[in-house]
C-alpha atoms as a PDB file:
ATOM      1  CA  UNK A   1      -3.120   3.157  24.869  1.00  0.00           C
ATOM      2  CA  UNK A   2      -0.544   5.454  26.477  1.00  0.00           C
ATOM      3  CA  UNK A   3       1.200   6.212  23.170  1.00  0.00           C
ATOM      4  CA  UNK A   4       0.220   9.925  23.093  1.00  0.00           C
ATOM      5  CA  UNK A   5       1.604  10.427  26.693  1.00  0.00           C
ATOM      6  CA  UNK A   6       4.785   8.565  25.701  1.00  0.00           C
ATOM      7  CA  UNK A   7       5.242  10.829  22.499  1.00  0.00           C
ATOM      8  CA  UNK A   8       4.759  13.884  24.645  1.00  0.00           C
ATOM      9  CA  UNK A   9       6.819  12.496  27.479  1.00  0.00           C
ATOM     10  CA  UNK A  10       4.060  13.168  29.790  1.00  0.00           C
ATOM     11  CA  UNK A  11       3.729   9.667  30.993  1.00  0.00           C
ATOM     12  CA  UNK A  12       4.762   9.672  34.740  1.00  0.00           C
ATOM     13  CA  UNK A  13       6.175   6.150  35.212  1.00  0.00           C
ATOM     14  CA  UNK A  14       9.188   4.902  33.199  1.00  0.00           C
ATOM     15  CA  UNK A  15       7.850   2.301  30.606  1.00  0.00           C
ATOM     16  CA  UNK A  16      10.449  -0.340  29.922  1.00  0.00           C
ATOM     17  CA  UNK A  17       8.314  -2.834  27.795  1.00  0.00           C
ATOM     18  CA  UNK A  18       4.960  -3.388  26.244  1.00  0.00           C
ATOM     19  CA  UNK A  19       3.535  -6.731  25.494  1.00  0.00           C
ATOM     20  CA  UNK A  20       0.762  -7.294  22.824  1.00  0.00           C
ATOM     21  CA  UNK A  21      -1.411 -10.394  22.758  1.00  0.00           C
ATOM     22  CA  UNK A  22      -3.206 -11.968  19.710  1.00  0.00           C
ATOM     23  CA  UNK A  23      -5.653  -9.356  18.541  1.00  0.00           C
ATOM     24  CA  UNK A  24      -3.467  -6.292  19.167  1.00  0.00           C
ATOM     25  CA  UNK A  25      -0.350  -7.884  17.385  1.00  0.00           C
ATOM     26  CA  UNK A  26      -1.367  -5.890  14.283  1.00  0.00           C
ATOM     27  CA  UNK A  27       0.238  -2.756  15.805  1.00  0.00           C
ATOM     28  CA  UNK A  28       3.690  -4.440  15.351  1.00  0.00           C
ATOM     29  CA  UNK A  29       3.443  -4.921  11.693  1.00  0.00           C
ATOM     30  CA  UNK A  30       5.557  -2.567   9.470  1.00  0.00           C
ATOM     31  CA  UNK A  31       3.307  -0.062   7.690  1.00  0.00           C
ATOM     32  CA  UNK A  32       0.645   0.176  10.393  1.00  0.00           C
ATOM     33  CA  UNK A  33       0.294   3.855  11.360  1.00  0.00           C
ATOM     34  CA  UNK A  34      -0.015   3.216  15.085  1.00  0.00           C
ATOM     35  CA  UNK A  35       2.720   0.617  14.840  1.00  0.00           C
ATOM     36  CA  UNK A  36       5.138   3.054  13.096  1.00  0.00           C
ATOM     37  CA  UNK A  37       4.338   5.770  15.891  1.00  0.00           C
ATOM     38  CA  UNK A  38       5.036   3.107  18.488  1.00  0.00           C
ATOM     39  CA  UNK A  39       8.144   1.802  17.095  1.00  0.00           C
ATOM     40  CA  UNK A  40       9.591   5.359  16.925  1.00  0.00           C
ATOM     41  CA  UNK A  41       8.732   6.131  20.573  1.00  0.00           C
ATOM     42  CA  UNK A  42      10.044   2.649  21.558  1.00  0.00           C
ATOM     43  CA  UNK A  43      13.360   3.316  19.787  1.00  0.00           C
ATOM     44  CA  UNK A  44      13.775   6.895  21.282  1.00  0.00           C
ATOM     45  CA  UNK A  45      12.858   5.740  24.868  1.00  0.00           C
ATOM     46  CA  UNK A  46      14.478   2.270  24.760  1.00  0.00           C
ATOM     47  CA  UNK A  47      11.311   0.536  25.208  1.00  0.00           C
ATOM     48  CA  UNK A  48      11.125  -3.282  24.521  1.00  0.00           C
ATOM     49  CA  UNK A  49       8.138  -4.300  22.259  1.00  0.00           C
ATOM     50  CA  UNK A  50       6.896  -7.847  22.562  1.00  0.00           C
ATOM     51  CA  UNK A  51       3.986  -9.860  20.960  1.00  0.00           C
ATOM     52  CA  UNK A  52       2.372 -13.189  21.409  1.00  0.00           C
ATOM     53  CA  UNK A  53       0.323 -14.871  18.571  1.00  0.00           C
ATOM     54  CA  UNK A  54      -2.332 -17.424  19.045  1.00  0.00           C
ATOM     55  CA  UNK A  55       0.002 -19.968  17.384  1.00  0.00           C
ATOM     56  CA  UNK A  56       3.518 -20.398  16.253  1.00  0.00           C
ATOM     57  CA  UNK A  57       2.721 -20.757  12.638  1.00  0.00           C
ATOM     58  CA  UNK A  58       0.792 -17.086  12.880  1.00  0.00           C
ATOM     59  CA  UNK A  59       3.901 -15.614  14.265  1.00  0.00           C
ATOM     60  CA  UNK A  60       6.138 -17.172  11.397  1.00  0.00           C
ATOM     61  CA  UNK A  61       3.576 -15.963   8.757  1.00  0.00           C
ATOM     62  CA  UNK A  62       3.922 -12.227  10.232  1.00  0.00           C
ATOM     63  CA  UNK A  63       7.606 -12.521  10.960  1.00  0.00           C
ATOM     64  CA  UNK A  64       8.836 -10.847   7.688  1.00  0.00           C
ATOM     65  CA  UNK A  65       6.491  -7.953   8.250  1.00  0.00           C
ATOM     66  CA  UNK A  66       7.178  -7.300  12.054  1.00  0.00           C
ATOM     67  CA  UNK A  67       8.759  -4.043  13.295  1.00  0.00           C
ATOM     68  CA  UNK A  68      12.441  -4.254  14.301  1.00  0.00           C
END
């Protein structure tokens, strides 16, 4: 992941969005250390975070815990 580069502002290209699929959605949950770091960088650098679950129900179950 490019998170360390983004935190140090050492990633060359501008990142405008990051999309996470199924198994990687755990990083978008409040309380996950990696997710909290990602949310902080996304807010600072105006990066859109997006995720897609394997079903609509899975997304609904996690909705209350997703990062803003």
